PDB file of all heavy atoms in Angstrom:
ATOM      1  N   ALA A   1       9.855  13.160   4.340  1.00  0.00           N
ATOM      2  CA  ALA A   1      11.106  13.337   5.113  1.00  0.00           C
ATOM      3  C   ALA A   1      11.424  14.803   5.252  1.00  0.00           C
ATOM      4  O   ALA A   1      12.125  15.149   6.291  1.00  0.00           O
ATOM      5  CB  ALA A   1      12.244  12.578   4.390  1.00  0.00           C
ATOM      6  N   ALA A   2      10.975  15.726   4.353  1.00  0.00           N
ATOM      7  CA  ALA A   2      11.306  17.139   4.459  1.00  0.00           C
ATOM      8  C   ALA A   2      10.422  17.789   5.468  1.00  0.00           C
ATOM      9  O   ALA A   2      10.823  18.710   6.013  1.00  0.00           O
ATOM     10  CB  ALA A   2      10.987  17.726   3.035  1.00  0.00           C
ATOM     11  N   ILE A   3       9.291  17.139   5.872  1.00  0.00           N
ATOM     12  CA  ILE A   3       8.398  17.792   6.866  1.00  0.00           C
ATOM     13  C   ILE A   3       8.252  17.032   8.120  1.00  0.00           C
ATOM     14  O   ILE A   3       7.708  17.644   9.100  1.00  0.00           O
ATOM     15  CB  ILE A   3       6.996  18.100   6.173  1.00  0.00           C
ATOM     16  CG1 ILE A   3       6.307  16.703   5.942  1.00  0.00           C
ATOM     17  CG2 ILE A   3       7.071  18.955   4.978  1.00  0.00           C
ATOM     18  CD1 ILE A   3       4.842  16.907   5.496  1.00  0.00           C
ATOM     19  N   SER A   4       8.728  15.865   8.097  1.00  0.00           N
ATOM     20  CA  SER A   4       8.568  15.061   9.367  1.00  0.00           C
ATOM     21  C   SER A   4       9.842  14.459   9.895  1.00  0.00           C
ATOM     22  O   SER A   4      10.605  13.748   9.167  1.00  0.00           O
ATOM     23  CB  SER A   4       7.706  13.860   9.024  1.00  0.00           C
ATOM     24  OG  SER A   4       7.721  12.795  10.018  1.00  0.00           O
ATOM     25  N   PRO A   5      10.225  14.827  11.102  1.00  0.00           N
ATOM     26  CA  PRO A   5      11.470  14.342  11.714  1.00  0.00           C
ATOM     27  C   PRO A   5      11.493  12.729  11.786  1.00  0.00           C
ATOM     28  O   PRO A   5      12.533  12.105  11.600  1.00  0.00           O
ATOM     29  CB  PRO A   5      11.525  14.931  13.144  1.00  0.00           C
ATOM     30  CG  PRO A   5      10.706  16.196  12.915  1.00  0.00           C
ATOM     31  CD  PRO A   5       9.712  15.794  12.003  1.00  0.00           C
ATOM     32  N   THR A   6      10.252  12.158  12.012  1.00  0.00           N
ATOM     33  CA  THR A   6      10.222  10.702  12.040  1.00  0.00           C
ATOM     34  C   THR A   6      10.555  10.076  10.717  1.00  0.00           C
ATOM     35  O   THR A   6      11.255   9.143  10.688  1.00  0.00           O
ATOM     36  CB  THR A   6       8.738  10.395  12.491  1.00  0.00           C
ATOM     37  OG1 THR A   6       8.501  10.864  13.762  1.00  0.00           O
ATOM     38  CG2 THR A   6       8.612   8.795  12.524  1.00  0.00           C
ATOM     39  N   VAL A   7      10.009  10.621   9.677  1.00  0.00           N
ATOM     40  CA  VAL A   7      10.186  10.057   8.339  1.00  0.00           C
ATOM     41  C   VAL A   7      11.672  10.379   7.935  1.00  0.00           C
ATOM     42  O   VAL A   7      12.306   9.571   7.250  1.00  0.00           O
ATOM     43  CB  VAL A   7       9.216  10.513   7.329  1.00  0.00           C
ATOM     44  CG1 VAL A   7       9.466   9.943   5.945  1.00  0.00           C
ATOM     45  CG2 VAL A   7       7.811  10.194   7.766  1.00  0.00           C
ATOM     46  N   HIS A   8      12.229  11.466   8.369  1.00  0.00           N
ATOM     47  CA  HIS A   8      13.595  11.851   7.990  1.00  0.00           C
ATOM     48  C   HIS A   8      14.568  10.789   8.615  1.00  0.00           C
ATOM     49  O   HIS A   8      15.501  10.341   8.043  1.00  0.00           O
ATOM     50  CB  HIS A   8      13.952  13.198   8.486  1.00  0.00           C
ATOM     51  CG  HIS A   8      15.355  13.626   8.236  1.00  0.00           C
ATOM     52  ND1 HIS A   8      15.772  13.899   7.010  1.00  0.00           N
ATOM     53  CD2 HIS A   8      16.341  13.796   8.962  1.00  0.00           C
ATOM     54  CE1 HIS A   8      17.170  14.195   6.972  1.00  0.00           C
ATOM     55  NE2 HIS A   8      17.538  14.110   8.236  1.00  0.00           N
ATOM     56  N   ARG A   9      14.173  10.374   9.823  1.00  0.00           N
ATOM     57  CA  ARG A   9      15.007   9.170  10.552  1.00  0.00           C
ATOM     58  C   ARG A   9      14.818   8.036   9.683  1.00  0.00           C
ATOM     59  O   ARG A   9      15.789   7.307   9.467  1.00  0.00           O
ATOM     60  CB  ARG A   9      14.400   9.071  11.901  1.00  0.00           C
ATOM     61  CG  ARG A   9      15.153   7.921  12.652  1.00  0.00           C
ATOM     62  CD  ARG A   9      14.625   7.747  14.038  1.00  0.00           C
ATOM     63  NE  ARG A   9      13.136   7.632  14.012  1.00  0.00           N
ATOM     64  CZ  ARG A   9      12.491   6.452  13.840  1.00  0.00           C
ATOM     65  NH1 ARG A   9      13.170   5.376  13.430  1.00  0.00           N
ATOM     66  NH2 ARG A   9      11.221   6.390  13.895  1.00  0.00           N
ATOM     67  N   LEU A  10      13.655   7.684   9.212  1.00  0.00           N
ATOM     68  CA  LEU A  10      13.443   6.471   8.445  1.00  0.00           C
ATOM     69  C   LEU A  10      14.284   6.512   7.119  1.00  0.00           C
ATOM     70  O   LEU A  10      14.814   5.499   6.718  1.00  0.00           O
ATOM     71  CB  LEU A  10      12.008   6.320   8.065  1.00  0.00           C
ATOM     72  CG  LEU A  10      10.993   5.994   9.240  1.00  0.00           C
ATOM     73  CD1 LEU A  10       9.735   5.991   8.652  1.00  0.00           C
ATOM     74  CD2 LEU A  10      11.297   4.803   9.920  1.00  0.00           C
ATOM     75  N   LEU A  11      14.354   7.685   6.533  1.00  0.00           N
ATOM     76  CA  LEU A  11      15.271   7.861   5.391  1.00  0.00           C
ATOM     77  C   LEU A  11      16.714   7.574   5.598  1.00  0.00           C
ATOM     78  O   LEU A  11      17.318   6.875   4.895  1.00  0.00           O
ATOM     79  CB  LEU A  11      15.031   9.252   4.740  1.00  0.00           C
ATOM     80  CG  LEU A  11      15.963   9.611   3.670  1.00  0.00           C
ATOM     81  CD1 LEU A  11      15.817   8.702   2.428  1.00  0.00           C
ATOM     82  CD2 LEU A  11      15.671  11.150   3.230  1.00  0.00           C
ATOM     83  N   LEU A  12      17.208   8.129   6.766  1.00  0.00           N
ATOM     84  CA  LEU A  12      18.586   7.806   7.075  1.00  0.00           C
ATOM     85  C   LEU A  12      18.779   6.377   7.418  1.00  0.00           C
ATOM     86  O   LEU A  12      19.923   5.909   6.967  1.00  0.00           O
ATOM     87  CB  LEU A  12      18.968   8.770   8.310  1.00  0.00           C
ATOM     88  CG  LEU A  12      18.885  10.247   8.022  1.00  0.00           C
ATOM     89  CD1 LEU A  12      19.232  11.100   9.382  1.00  0.00           C
ATOM     90  CD2 LEU A  12      19.782  10.748   6.973  1.00  0.00           C
ATOM     91  N   GLU A  13      17.913   5.773   8.087  1.00  0.00           N
ATOM     92  CA  GLU A  13      18.123   4.334   8.386  1.00  0.00           C
ATOM     93  C   GLU A  13      18.087   3.529   7.143  1.00  0.00           C
ATOM     94  O   GLU A  13      18.852   2.561   6.963  1.00  0.00           O
ATOM     95  CB  GLU A  13      16.993   3.926   9.354  1.00  0.00           C
ATOM     96  CG  GLU A  13      17.114   4.496  10.789  1.00  0.00           C
ATOM     97  CD  GLU A  13      15.868   4.159  11.642  1.00  0.00           C
ATOM     98  OE1 GLU A  13      14.961   3.561  11.093  1.00  0.00           O
ATOM     99  OE2 GLU A  13      15.921   4.445  12.848  1.00  0.00           O
ATOM    100  N   MET A  14      17.157   4.005   6.218  1.00  0.00           N
ATOM    101  CA  MET A  14      17.114   3.265   4.979  1.00  0.00           C
ATOM    102  C   MET A  14      18.401   3.389   4.111  1.00  0.00           C
ATOM    103  O   MET A  14      18.871   2.373   3.477  1.00  0.00           O
ATOM    104  CB  MET A  14      15.945   3.810   4.130  1.00  0.00           C
ATOM    105  CG  MET A  14      15.743   3.083   2.829  1.00  0.00           C
ATOM    106  SD  MET A  14      14.681   4.060   1.673  1.00  0.00           S
ATOM    107  CE  MET A  14      15.886   5.368   1.189  1.00  0.00           C
ATOM    108  N   SER A  15      18.930   4.591   4.134  1.00  0.00           N
ATOM    109  CA  SER A  15      20.232   4.815   3.470  1.00  0.00           C
ATOM    110  C   SER A  15      21.357   3.950   3.983  1.00  0.00           C
ATOM    111  O   SER A  15      22.172   3.427   3.269  1.00  0.00           O
ATOM    112  CB  SER A  15      20.550   6.286   3.554  1.00  0.00           C
ATOM    113  OG  SER A  15      21.720   6.668   2.694  1.00  0.00           O
ATOM    114  N   ASP A  16      21.338   3.927   5.345  1.00  0.00           N
ATOM    115  CA  ASP A  16      22.361   2.996   6.005  1.00  0.00           C
ATOM    116  C   ASP A  16      22.313   1.541   5.588  1.00  0.00           C
ATOM    117  O   ASP A  16      23.326   0.897   5.253  1.00  0.00           O
ATOM    118  CB  ASP A  16      22.234   3.150   7.494  1.00  0.00           C
ATOM    119  CG  ASP A  16      22.788   4.481   8.048  1.00  0.00           C
ATOM    120  OD1 ASP A  16      23.530   5.131   7.285  1.00  0.00           O
ATOM    121  OD2 ASP A  16      22.428   4.823   9.269  1.00  0.00           O
ATOM    122  N   ARG A  17      20.995   1.125   5.457  1.00  0.00           N
ATOM    123  CA  ARG A  17      20.692  -0.247   4.967  1.00  0.00           C
ATOM    124  C   ARG A  17      21.226  -0.538   3.635  1.00  0.00           C
ATOM    125  O   ARG A  17      21.852  -1.494   3.232  1.00  0.00           O
ATOM    126  CB  ARG A  17      19.340  -0.689   5.153  1.00  0.00           C
ATOM    127  CG  ARG A  17      18.813  -0.889   6.617  1.00  0.00           C
ATOM    128  CD  ARG A  17      17.495  -1.557   6.623  1.00  0.00           C
ATOM    129  NE  ARG A  17      16.483  -0.762   5.915  1.00  0.00           N
ATOM    130  CZ  ARG A  17      15.689   0.184   6.527  1.00  0.00           C
ATOM    131  NH1 ARG A  17      15.810   0.425   7.825  1.00  0.00           N
ATOM    132  NH2 ARG A  17      14.792   0.785   5.743  1.00  0.00           N
ATOM    133  N   GLN A  18      20.922   0.400   2.759  1.00  0.00           N
ATOM    134  CA  GLN A  18      21.315   0.419   1.355  1.00  0.00           C
ATOM    135  C   GLN A  18      22.842   0.377   1.206  1.00  0.00           C
ATOM    136  O   GLN A  18      23.365  -0.444   0.477  1.00  0.00           O
ATOM    137  CB  GLN A  18      20.718   1.578   0.530  1.00  0.00           C
ATOM    138  CG  GLN A  18      19.198   1.524   0.384  1.00  0.00           C
ATOM    139  CD  GLN A  18      18.718   2.656  -0.494  1.00  0.00           C
ATOM    140  OE1 GLN A  18      19.429   3.649  -0.706  1.00  0.00           O
ATOM    141  NE2 GLN A  18      17.441   2.498  -0.986  1.00  0.00           N
ATOM    142  N   ALA A  19      23.457   1.183   1.923  1.00  0.00           N
ATOM    143  CA  ALA A  19      24.999   1.285   1.914  1.00  0.00           C
ATOM    144  C   ALA A  19      25.556   0.048   2.288  1.00  0.00           C
ATOM    145  O   ALA A  19      26.596  -0.411   1.662  1.00  0.00           O
ATOM    146  CB  ALA A  19      25.516   2.464   2.837  1.00  0.00           C
ATOM    147  N   ALA A  20      25.048  -0.628   3.356  1.00  0.00           N
ATOM    148  CA  ALA A  20      25.651  -1.926   3.888  1.00  0.00           C
ATOM    149  C   ALA A  20      25.336  -3.007   2.754  1.00  0.00           C
ATOM    150  O   ALA A  20      26.297  -3.804   2.503  1.00  0.00           O
ATOM    151  CB  ALA A  20      25.017  -2.318   5.152  1.00  0.00           C
ATOM    152  N   SER A  21      24.163  -3.008   2.190  1.00  0.00           N
ATOM    153  CA  SER A  21      23.819  -3.957   1.091  1.00  0.00           C
ATOM    154  C   SER A  21      24.784  -3.878  -0.044  1.00  0.00           C
ATOM    155  O   SER A  21      25.189  -4.838  -0.516  1.00  0.00           O
ATOM    156  CB  SER A  21      22.347  -3.884   0.706  1.00  0.00           C
ATOM    157  OG  SER A  21      22.063  -4.797  -0.234  1.00  0.00           O
ATOM    158  N   ILE A  22      24.974  -2.538  -0.524  1.00  0.00           N
ATOM    159  CA  ILE A  22      25.765  -2.320  -1.684  1.00  0.00           C
ATOM    160  C   ILE A  22      27.202  -2.656  -1.453  1.00  0.00           C
ATOM    161  O   ILE A  22      27.915  -3.278  -2.259  1.00  0.00           O
ATOM    162  CB  ILE A  22      25.709  -0.907  -2.147  1.00  0.00           C
ATOM    163  CG1 ILE A  22      24.226  -0.574  -2.650  1.00  0.00           C
ATOM    164  CG2 ILE A  22      26.647  -0.507  -3.179  1.00  0.00           C
ATOM    165  CD1 ILE A  22      23.915   0.885  -2.809  1.00  0.00           C
ATOM    166  N   ALA A  23      27.631  -2.442  -0.221  1.00  0.00           N
ATOM    167  CA  ALA A  23      29.000  -2.654   0.171  1.00  0.00           C
ATOM    168  C   ALA A  23      29.260  -4.200   0.103  1.00  0.00           C
ATOM    169  O   ALA A  23      30.364  -4.674  -0.311  1.00  0.00           O
ATOM    170  CB  ALA A  23      29.405  -2.099   1.562  1.00  0.00           C
ATOM    171  N   THR A  24      28.304  -5.008   0.612  1.00  0.00           N
ATOM    172  CA  THR A  24      28.442  -6.413   0.570  1.00  0.00           C
ATOM    173  C   THR A  24      28.512  -6.938  -0.872  1.00  0.00           C
ATOM    174  O   THR A  24      29.442  -7.771  -1.280  1.00  0.00           O
ATOM    175  CB  THR A  24      27.245  -7.022   1.260  1.00  0.00           C
ATOM    176  OG1 THR A  24      27.250  -6.753   2.571  1.00  0.00           O
ATOM    177  CG2 THR A  24      27.356  -8.542   1.075  1.00  0.00           C
ATOM    178  N   ALA A  25      27.653  -6.399  -1.751  1.00  0.00           N
ATOM    179  CA  ALA A  25      27.697  -6.775  -3.254  1.00  0.00           C
ATOM    180  C   ALA A  25      29.032  -6.378  -3.825  1.00  0.00           C
ATOM    181  O   ALA A  25      29.594  -7.134  -4.651  1.00  0.00           O
ATOM    182  CB  ALA A  25      26.564  -6.031  -3.903  1.00  0.00           C
ATOM    183  N   ILE A  26      29.600  -5.110  -3.521  1.00  0.00           N
ATOM    184  CA  ILE A  26      30.888  -4.837  -4.059  1.00  0.00           C
ATOM    185  C   ILE A  26      32.057  -5.667  -3.503  1.00  0.00           C
ATOM    186  O   ILE A  26      32.870  -6.150  -4.376  1.00  0.00           O
ATOM    187  CB  ILE A  26      31.184  -3.286  -3.687  1.00  0.00           C
ATOM    188  CG1 ILE A  26      30.184  -2.329  -4.445  1.00  0.00           C
ATOM    189  CG2 ILE A  26      32.618  -2.911  -4.007  1.00  0.00           C
ATOM    190  CD1 ILE A  26      30.368  -0.951  -4.047  1.00  0.00           C
ATOM    191  N   SER A  27      32.068  -6.061  -2.219  1.00  0.00           N
ATOM    192  CA  SER A  27      33.034  -6.938  -1.716  1.00  0.00           C
ATOM    193  C   SER A  27      32.986  -8.244  -2.291  1.00  0.00           C
ATOM    194  O   SER A  27      34.053  -8.933  -2.565  1.00  0.00           O
ATOM    195  CB  SER A  27      32.743  -7.080  -0.144  1.00  0.00           C
ATOM    196  OG  SER A  27      33.007  -5.881   0.486  1.00  0.00           O
TER     197      SER A  27
END
C-alpha cells in the first residue's frame, strides 16, 4: 500500500468494510 496506489485503494476500501462491519456489531 505504501508503494502502490492500487493497493493503497484496496486498503482504504478494506478499512471502510471493516468500519461498517464493526458498526453493525456495536449497534
